[in-house]
Each structure stands twice: as structure tokens, then as C-alpha cells.
Amino acid sequence: MISRSCETCRINLCRRLLYLMAIVLIGCDCPCDMNRFDANARDNGYDVVLVANISGNQEIFILDLPSCNLNRLTGTLDRDCDPSPSPDGRWIAYTSLRTGIAQIYLTRTDGSETFCPFPSDRFDCKPTWSHDGRKIAYVSYIDQNKEIFIGSPFEPNSSPVRITNTIRREEDPLFSLDDSKILVRSSLWGESYLALLDTFPCEPQIFTPAYGLQHYASWCGDTAVLFTWFVDNDSDVFFKILPNGSLINISHCADAYDYDPEPSPSGEYLAFVSYRDGNRNIYMFSFDGGTISQLTTWENDEYEPKWSPDGNLLLFIRSDGVSKDLCYVDIKSGDYHILTNGLNCEQAKWILK
């Protein structure tokens, strides 16, 4: 049992009481002014899973489109975060501290079933699905380090397999589109770089320069990677064809702090976040013409871009310093829709209905 000071216990008790009071007073899944906000939101066959901060506690919700109704998926007294929807849209994998230690949980999107597929005495977090929906990769704190495990949640009597075992900290696993490789961020002595696993288990193959900070990585097809490289007090978005292709600076704007690249499903565009106009806005790079255009122009912060699976909509978070609300932009029409009002949300992702 973890020992805590009296002051910490008092703070946690107050937080839990406030959380329970919020549930009682609300009397529904969320405050009424959050239930319906944009009646013109589009039904494109997808909903959104997100994390919302309710009275100081993180919970997972599913936002129905186009009604904008918020449906609570978790309701524990402890933190639930890092939602990862299964490819078929039936399950949400996530991190939960409901037992006092972080574990991976799965909940059906209709809320009818919840279970812990990989129970352990370690701190396990940040699950991500393989594209065939059969496996989950996640981060586990073991031997005072971060390592990657893979488990099969629906195979009876199967145990997770540890696929990394190095002196570095491995995290942020991401399956390639054909599930044959896993991209990870590897850190050592204050610097991080990107590495590739092409057999499980194996020694991660580092393929980026071993200096600076490389993060926010994503696959671009099965043979190329996009990522952010922070070095010399600035960051840009880079593109690299694996394994030995040249590094190409895509965003290349001095002192702009470009990061979080998100390629469109068609491979035509790349959305990313930049401070190049003084605010944190979202920009779009065209692979066809090599041009960069600004997608959001509000004076607030806009970040965490996520493409819809059909590539027509771009989801993002807009923060005014008080609340963090969910929005999307229709790439073809240029229309913007604000989906929540006054809700502190984050980690939003599209999910198949």
C-alpha cells in the first residue's frame, strides 16, 4: 500500500467529494450547455472519443455526431485517459488508475463491458491498437525504465510479451499500416530519437540523429515517417523514407516552433501546429505543390489536429486560456464547427460509429 501524507489524503478526499457532487448536481453525462452546441455538425459515419476534466478528474467520453451529445464512458474516482479506439469502433483501450496503479483497460463503446486484459503490478499506460485489431502495444514501467509490451486482449490464456529491453526509455509505440513494424521514441540522457522495431522482440533500430529531441512521430505510408525535431531552441517537421533516406525539412520556418505532424489518410496533405504568426495555430502542407497554408486564424490556441478517416474533416482543440473545446474544419468547404462549449477536453480521436 502506498503511503501518503495527511495533507495529500485530504486533498484527494476533497477532490473525490467534488467529483461526486458534480455527478449528482449534473444528473446526466455532462452539463446541459455541453450536450448540444452545433446542430450543423456533420454525420460522416464517425463519432469522437475524448478526455474531459470533470471537477479535477479526467474521464473518457464519446461525442456523438451530429447531435453533439456527450456520453460518459468511464465514471471512476480516479484518472482515466489515453483513449485508443479499436479499428472496428467497438472498443476503447485506455489507461486507468482505478486500482491505485495505472493499468490498461478495455471498455465497449456502448459501455456494456469493461475489463483489464493485461493485469500486472507495474505501471502500464498509453495503449495503441494494431490495425488488424488483434494486438495492443503499450508502455510499461519495469526495472526503473520504460519498455514496450505487446498483448493480445482477446486471445484466452495469452500473456503480454516484452519487446524492448534496453538502457534507454522506449515509449509512444505506433504500428505501421501493415502491422509489420513498430515506431517508438527512445530517450537517453535528456535526448530523444526515433527507433524502429521490425521483429518482436528486437533491439530498436535508431534511424534519426542522436541529438536534440525527436517526438510527435507518425507513419506516412509503410515506408516513411514524419516527426518533430527540436534542436537549437527551435523545432521543425521532418520527413524521412526508411531506413536510409535523407532527412527533409518540410515546415522550415525559423523560430516558428512547428510540431505535431498529422498526415491525411490520402497522403496529399500534412496538418501541423505552428507559432509562426505569434499564436498557436494549425497549418497545412501540400505534398503535391509543396505549399503551406494556414487553416486556423483565431487568436486562441489551436492544436492536436486529427484527420477524419475519410480525410474530409480535421479535428482539433481550441483553447482560450479558460476552457479547451473541440472543433473541426471541413477541408473542402472551409467551414468551422465548434462541438463543445466550456468543456476542458483533450486527447480527442475519431472513432467508427
Protein backbone atom coordinates (compact mmCIF):
# COMPACT_ATOMS: atom_id res chain seq x y z
CA MET A 1 0.00 0.00 0.00
CA ILE A 2 1.35 3.41 -0.96
CA SER A 3 1.86 5.72 1.99
CA ARG A 4 0.60 9.29 1.68
CA SER A 5 0.82 12.33 3.89
CA CYS A 6 -2.30 13.53 5.69
CA GLU A 7 -2.34 16.64 3.53
CA THR A 8 -2.28 14.57 0.33
CA CYS A 9 -5.09 12.37 1.62
CA ARG A 10 -7.14 15.43 2.50
CA ILE A 11 -6.67 16.92 -0.98
CA ASN A 12 -7.61 13.62 -2.66
CA LEU A 13 -10.70 13.27 -0.46
CA CYS A 14 -11.83 16.80 -1.30
CA ARG A 15 -11.29 16.14 -4.99
CA ARG A 16 -13.36 12.97 -4.87
CA LEU A 17 -16.17 14.69 -2.96
CA LEU A 18 -16.26 17.50 -5.52
CA TYR A 19 -16.35 14.93 -8.30
CA LEU A 20 -19.28 13.05 -6.71
CA MET A 21 -21.12 16.33 -6.11
CA ALA A 22 -20.65 17.22 -9.79
CA ILE A 23 -22.20 13.91 -10.86
CA VAL A 24 -25.17 14.40 -8.51
CA LEU A 25 -25.77 18.03 -9.49
CA ILE A 26 -25.36 17.38 -13.19
CA GLY A 27 -27.74 14.43 -13.15
CA CYS A 28 -26.61 13.41 -16.64
CA ASP A 29 -23.43 12.64 -18.52
CA CYS A 30 -22.32 16.28 -18.71
CA PRO A 31 -23.55 19.82 -18.02
CA CYS A 32 -26.53 20.78 -20.16
CA ASP A 33 -24.76 23.55 -22.05
CA MET A 34 -22.28 20.95 -23.30
CA ASN A 35 -24.86 18.44 -24.56
CA ARG A 36 -25.88 20.21 -27.73
CA PHE A 37 -23.91 23.01 -29.25
CA ASP A 38 -23.58 22.85 -33.04
CA ALA A 39 -26.69 21.46 -34.71
CA ASN A 40 -24.96 21.79 -38.08
CA ALA A 41 -22.22 19.31 -37.22
CA ARG A 42 -21.83 16.73 -39.93
CA ASP A 43 -22.61 12.99 -39.75
CA ASN A 44 -19.76 11.37 -41.66
CA GLY A 45 -20.04 7.90 -40.10
CA TYR A 46 -17.72 8.70 -37.19
CA ASP A 47 -18.00 9.88 -33.59
CA VAL A 48 -15.24 11.29 -31.38
CA VAL A 49 -13.71 9.82 -28.23
CA LEU A 50 -12.13 12.35 -25.89
CA VAL A 51 -10.89 13.00 -22.37
CA ALA A 52 -12.65 15.71 -20.33
CA ASN A 53 -11.67 17.17 -17.00
CA ILE A 54 -14.71 16.93 -14.71
CA SER A 55 -14.17 18.62 -11.33
CA GLY A 56 -10.46 17.91 -11.43
CA ASN A 57 -10.82 14.31 -12.60
CA GLN A 58 -10.11 13.01 -16.11
CA GLU A 59 -12.85 10.87 -17.63
CA ILE A 60 -13.45 9.45 -21.11
CA PHE A 61 -16.46 10.45 -23.20
CA ILE A 62 -17.82 9.67 -26.64
CA LEU A 63 -19.17 12.67 -28.56
CA ASP A 64 -21.99 11.68 -30.90
CA LEU A 65 -22.11 13.41 -34.26
CA PRO A 66 -24.06 15.22 -35.49
CA SER A 67 -26.13 15.59 -32.28
CA CYS A 68 -23.08 16.69 -30.19
CA ASN A 69 -24.40 14.64 -27.26
CA LEU A 70 -21.67 13.64 -24.82
CA ASN A 71 -21.90 10.10 -23.45
CA ARG A 72 -19.74 9.22 -20.45
CA LEU A 73 -17.74 6.02 -20.97
CA THR A 74 -15.90 5.96 -17.62
CA GLY A 75 -17.03 7.14 -14.19
CA THR A 76 -14.37 6.13 -11.70
CA LEU A 77 -12.96 8.23 -8.88
CA ASP A 78 -9.52 8.15 -10.43
CA ARG A 79 -7.94 9.20 -13.67
CA ASP A 80 -8.93 7.59 -17.00
CA CYS A 81 -7.01 8.83 -20.05
CA ASP A 82 -5.07 7.91 -23.22
CA PRO A 83 -8.12 6.58 -25.14
CA SER A 84 -7.35 4.45 -28.19
CA PRO A 85 -10.34 3.24 -30.27
CA SER A 86 -10.18 -0.19 -31.87
CA PRO A 87 -10.20 -0.23 -35.69
CA ASP A 88 -13.75 -1.64 -35.77
CA GLY A 89 -15.03 1.04 -33.34
CA ARG A 90 -16.31 -1.48 -30.79
CA TRP A 91 -13.76 -0.98 -28.01
CA ILE A 92 -11.79 1.79 -26.32
CA ALA A 93 -8.44 0.88 -24.79
CA TYR A 94 -7.21 3.37 -22.19
CA THR A 95 -5.11 3.98 -19.09
CA SER A 96 -6.91 3.86 -15.74
CA LEU A 97 -5.73 4.45 -12.18
CA ARG A 98 -8.92 3.00 -10.63
CA THR A 99 -6.96 0.34 -8.71
CA GLY A 100 -4.30 2.75 -7.43
CA ILE A 101 -1.78 1.84 -10.12
CA ALA A 102 -2.02 2.61 -13.85
CA GLN A 103 -3.34 -0.35 -15.85
CA ILE A 104 -4.69 -0.91 -19.37
CA TYR A 105 -8.48 -1.29 -19.55
CA LEU A 106 -10.89 -2.03 -22.39
CA THR A 107 -14.48 -0.79 -22.45
CA ARG A 108 -17.08 -1.39 -25.14
CA THR A 109 -18.21 1.83 -26.78
CA ASP A 110 -21.76 1.19 -25.58
CA GLY A 111 -20.44 0.83 -22.01
CA SER A 112 -21.75 -2.72 -21.63
CA GLU A 113 -18.45 -4.39 -20.73
CA THR A 114 -15.15 -3.37 -19.12
CA PHE A 115 -12.12 -5.49 -18.31
CA CYS A 116 -8.36 -5.32 -17.71
CA PRO A 117 -6.71 -7.51 -20.38
CA PHE A 118 -3.14 -7.38 -19.01
CA PRO A 119 -3.26 -7.19 -15.18
CA SER A 120 0.15 -6.58 -13.62
CA ASP A 121 1.85 -4.95 -10.65
CA ARG A 122 3.62 -2.49 -12.98
CA PHE A 123 2.63 0.99 -14.15
CA ASP A 124 1.16 0.33 -17.64
CA CYS A 125 -0.08 3.13 -19.90
CA LYS A 126 -0.58 4.60 -23.40
CA PRO A 127 -2.15 1.69 -25.33
CA THR A 128 -2.30 1.66 -29.13
CA TRP A 129 -4.02 -0.89 -31.39
CA SER A 130 -2.60 -2.80 -34.30
CA HIS A 131 -4.51 -2.06 -37.50
CA ASP A 132 -5.96 -5.59 -37.64
CA GLY A 133 -7.41 -5.05 -34.14
CA ARG A 134 -5.77 -8.17 -32.71
CA LYS A 135 -2.95 -6.68 -30.63
CA ILE A 136 -2.26 -3.74 -28.32
CA ALA A 137 1.17 -2.19 -27.75
CA TYR A 138 1.70 -0.21 -24.57
CA VAL A 139 4.32 1.30 -22.28
CA SER A 140 5.25 -0.41 -19.01
CA TYR A 141 7.46 0.87 -16.20
CA ILE A 142 9.78 -2.02 -15.39
CA ASP A 143 13.26 -2.21 -13.85
CA GLN A 144 13.10 1.57 -13.29
CA ASN A 145 12.72 2.10 -17.02
CA LYS A 146 10.06 2.42 -19.73
CA GLU A 147 9.72 -0.56 -22.05
CA ILE A 148 7.25 -1.66 -24.74
CA PHE A 149 4.95 -4.66 -24.34
CA ILE A 150 2.53 -6.24 -26.82
CA GLY A 151 -0.56 -8.15 -25.75
CA SER A 152 -3.48 -9.92 -27.43
CA PRO A 153 -6.55 -8.85 -25.44
CA PHE A 154 -8.97 -11.35 -27.00
CA GLU A 155 -6.78 -14.47 -27.01
CA PRO A 156 -7.51 -16.68 -23.98
CA ASN A 157 -4.56 -17.62 -21.76
CA SER A 158 -2.14 -15.39 -23.65
CA SER A 159 0.38 -13.19 -21.82
CA PRO A 160 1.86 -9.87 -22.92
CA VAL A 161 5.33 -10.02 -24.46
CA ARG A 162 8.09 -7.59 -23.59
CA ILE A 163 9.57 -6.47 -26.93
CA THR A 164 12.23 -3.99 -25.75
CA ASN A 165 14.91 -4.33 -23.11
CA THR A 166 17.49 -1.55 -23.31
CA ILE A 167 19.08 1.08 -21.08
CA ARG A 168 17.00 3.69 -22.95
CA ARG A 169 13.41 4.65 -22.24
CA GLU A 170 11.11 3.40 -25.02
CA GLU A 171 7.63 4.89 -25.34
CA ASP A 172 4.93 6.13 -27.77
CA PRO A 173 4.62 2.85 -29.77
CA LEU A 174 2.91 3.12 -33.15
CA PHE A 175 2.16 0.23 -35.52
CA SER A 176 2.88 0.63 -39.22
CA LEU A 177 -0.13 0.35 -41.55
CA ASP A 178 0.65 -3.32 -42.29
CA ASP A 179 1.43 -4.05 -38.60
CA SER A 180 4.85 -5.43 -39.51
CA LYS A 181 6.82 -2.69 -37.72
CA ILE A 182 6.51 -0.52 -34.64
CA LEU A 183 7.80 3.03 -34.34
CA VAL A 184 8.96 4.12 -30.88
CA ARG A 185 10.52 7.15 -29.23
CA SER A 186 13.76 6.26 -27.49
CA SER A 187 15.30 8.52 -24.82
CA LEU A 188 18.62 8.61 -23.04
CA TRP A 189 20.39 11.31 -21.01
CA GLY A 190 17.92 14.09 -21.83
CA GLU A 191 17.80 13.48 -25.59
CA SER A 192 15.25 11.51 -27.59
CA TYR A 193 15.32 9.97 -31.04
CA LEU A 194 13.20 7.61 -33.11
CA ALA A 195 13.70 3.89 -33.48
CA LEU A 196 12.14 1.04 -35.39
CA LEU A 197 11.16 -2.47 -34.34
CA ASP A 198 10.71 -4.86 -37.26
CA THR A 199 10.61 -8.11 -35.28
CA PHE A 200 9.18 -8.69 -31.83
CA PRO A 201 11.17 -8.64 -29.63
CA CYS A 202 14.29 -6.99 -31.03
CA GLU A 203 16.80 -4.23 -30.42
CA PRO A 204 15.27 -0.91 -31.54
CA GLN A 205 17.00 0.42 -34.66
CA ILE A 206 17.62 4.14 -34.24
CA PHE A 207 17.19 5.97 -37.56
CA THR A 208 17.37 9.66 -36.61
CA PRO A 209 20.38 11.72 -35.45
CA ALA A 210 21.13 11.04 -31.79
CA TYR A 211 20.92 14.62 -30.59
CA GLY A 212 18.11 17.07 -29.84
CA LEU A 213 14.55 15.94 -29.15
CA GLN A 214 12.53 14.00 -31.72
CA HIS A 215 8.89 13.33 -30.96
CA TYR A 216 5.30 13.63 -32.31
CA ALA A 217 6.09 10.90 -34.83
CA SER A 218 3.59 9.43 -37.27
CA TRP A 219 3.69 6.99 -40.18
CA CYS A 220 3.30 8.30 -43.73
CA GLY A 221 2.51 5.09 -45.57
CA ASP A 222 4.51 1.99 -44.57
CA THR A 223 7.96 3.24 -45.51
CA ALA A 224 8.13 6.89 -44.41
CA VAL A 225 7.92 8.72 -41.10
CA LEU A 226 7.04 12.28 -40.13
CA PHE A 227 8.26 13.74 -36.87
CA THR A 228 9.17 16.89 -34.97
CA TRP A 229 12.83 17.63 -34.30
CA PHE A 230 13.60 20.15 -31.57
CA VAL A 231 17.16 21.43 -31.61
CA ASP A 232 18.87 24.81 -31.03
CA ASN A 233 15.72 26.30 -29.39
CA ASP A 234 13.53 25.69 -32.43
CA SER A 235 11.57 22.79 -33.92
CA ASP A 236 10.55 21.81 -37.44
CA VAL A 237 8.64 18.97 -39.07
CA PHE A 238 10.82 16.43 -40.87
CA PHE A 239 10.13 13.65 -43.37
CA LYS A 240 12.24 10.52 -43.80
CA ILE A 241 11.93 7.46 -46.02
CA LEU A 242 13.03 4.36 -44.12
CA PRO A 243 15.53 3.06 -43.49
CA ASN A 244 18.26 5.23 -45.00
CA GLY A 245 16.51 8.08 -46.78
CA SER A 246 17.62 11.68 -46.34
CA LEU A 247 16.00 13.92 -43.73
CA ILE A 248 13.78 16.51 -45.40
CA ASN A 249 12.69 19.62 -43.51
CA ILE A 250 9.07 20.22 -44.55
CA SER A 251 7.97 23.18 -42.44
CA HIS A 252 11.33 25.02 -42.31
CA CYS A 253 10.49 28.33 -40.64
CA ALA A 254 13.00 29.88 -38.24
CA ASP A 255 11.75 30.43 -34.67
CA ALA A 256 8.26 29.19 -35.60
CA TYR A 257 8.23 26.10 -33.36
CA ASP A 258 6.43 23.73 -35.75
CA TYR A 259 5.31 20.39 -34.32
CA ASP A 260 2.70 17.59 -34.16
CA PRO A 261 2.59 16.50 -37.85
CA GLU A 262 -0.58 14.66 -38.88
CA PRO A 263 -0.69 13.25 -42.46
CA SER A 264 -4.06 12.97 -44.19
CA PRO A 265 -5.28 9.43 -45.00
CA SER A 266 -4.81 10.05 -48.73
CA GLY A 267 -1.24 11.24 -48.24
CA GLU A 268 -2.00 14.52 -50.00
CA TYR A 269 -1.71 16.84 -47.03
CA LEU A 270 0.04 17.28 -43.74
CA ALA A 271 -1.52 19.22 -40.85
CA PHE A 272 0.79 20.58 -38.16
CA VAL A 273 0.88 23.12 -35.34
CA SER A 274 2.96 26.29 -35.56
CA TYR A 275 3.63 29.55 -33.71
CA ARG A 276 4.78 31.29 -36.89
CA ASP A 277 2.13 34.07 -36.67
CA GLY A 278 2.64 34.57 -32.92
CA ASN A 279 -0.28 32.33 -31.93
CA ARG A 280 -0.51 28.56 -31.81
CA ASN A 281 -2.44 27.76 -35.00
CA ILE A 282 -2.85 24.84 -37.38
CA TYR A 283 -1.27 24.87 -40.83
CA MET A 284 -1.49 22.52 -43.81
CA PHE A 285 1.32 21.42 -46.10
CA SER A 286 0.52 20.09 -49.58
CA PHE A 287 2.78 17.23 -50.69
CA ASP A 288 1.72 17.88 -54.27
CA GLY A 289 2.65 21.54 -54.54
CA GLY A 290 4.92 21.92 -51.53
CA THR A 291 2.86 24.90 -50.31
CA ILE A 292 1.87 25.76 -46.74
CA SER A 293 -1.48 27.38 -45.89
CA GLN A 294 -2.94 28.47 -42.56
CA LEU A 295 -6.08 26.57 -41.54
CA THR A 296 -6.99 28.32 -38.26
CA THR A 297 -6.63 32.04 -37.67
CA TRP A 298 -8.18 32.62 -34.26
CA GLU A 299 -6.15 34.46 -31.64
CA ASN A 300 -6.65 31.49 -29.33
CA ASP A 301 -4.52 28.34 -29.25
CA GLU A 302 -5.46 25.58 -31.71
CA TYR A 303 -3.63 22.26 -31.53
CA GLU A 304 -3.86 18.43 -31.59
CA PRO A 305 -5.01 18.09 -35.25
CA LYS A 306 -6.60 14.75 -36.16
CA TRP A 307 -7.88 13.84 -39.64
CA SER A 308 -11.17 12.01 -40.06
CA PRO A 309 -10.65 8.60 -41.72
CA ASP A 310 -12.18 9.90 -44.98
CA GLY A 311 -9.79 12.86 -44.95
CA ASN A 312 -12.52 15.48 -45.27
CA LEU A 313 -12.54 16.86 -41.72
CA LEU A 314 -9.78 17.97 -39.37
CA LEU A 315 -10.50 17.77 -35.65
CA PHE A 316 -8.61 20.00 -33.22
CA ILE A 317 -8.65 21.57 -29.75
CA ARG A 318 -9.23 25.31 -29.31
CA SER A 319 -8.18 26.90 -26.00
CA ASP A 320 -8.99 30.44 -24.84
CA GLY A 321 -6.97 30.05 -21.65
CA VAL A 322 -10.05 29.11 -19.62
CA SER A 323 -11.57 26.14 -21.42
CA LYS A 324 -10.41 23.72 -24.10
CA ASP A 325 -13.13 22.97 -26.63
CA LEU A 326 -13.35 20.58 -29.53
CA CYS A 327 -13.74 21.88 -33.09
CA TYR A 328 -13.34 20.69 -36.66
CA VAL A 329 -12.83 22.28 -40.06
CA ASP A 330 -14.27 20.93 -43.31
CA ILE A 331 -11.26 20.90 -45.64
CA LYS A 332 -13.35 21.19 -48.83
CA SER A 333 -15.76 23.94 -47.78
CA GLY A 334 -13.58 25.68 -45.19
CA ASP A 335 -16.50 25.68 -42.69
CA TYR A 336 -15.68 25.53 -38.98
CA HIS A 337 -17.79 23.82 -36.33
CA ILE A 338 -17.42 24.15 -32.56
CA LEU A 339 -18.56 20.89 -30.98
CA THR A 340 -18.32 21.64 -27.25
CA ASN A 341 -18.84 24.75 -25.15
CA GLY A 342 -16.82 25.32 -21.99
CA LEU A 343 -15.58 21.73 -21.77
CA ASN A 344 -11.94 21.09 -20.85
CA CYS A 345 -11.23 18.34 -23.35
CA GLU A 346 -8.09 16.75 -24.77
CA GLN A 347 -6.76 13.60 -26.45
CA ALA A 348 -9.63 13.59 -28.96
CA LYS A 349 -9.73 10.95 -31.70
CA TRP A 350 -12.20 9.87 -34.37
CA ILE A 351 -13.98 6.56 -33.86
CA LEU A 352 -16.06 4.46 -36.25
CA LYS A 353 -19.78 4.52 -35.39
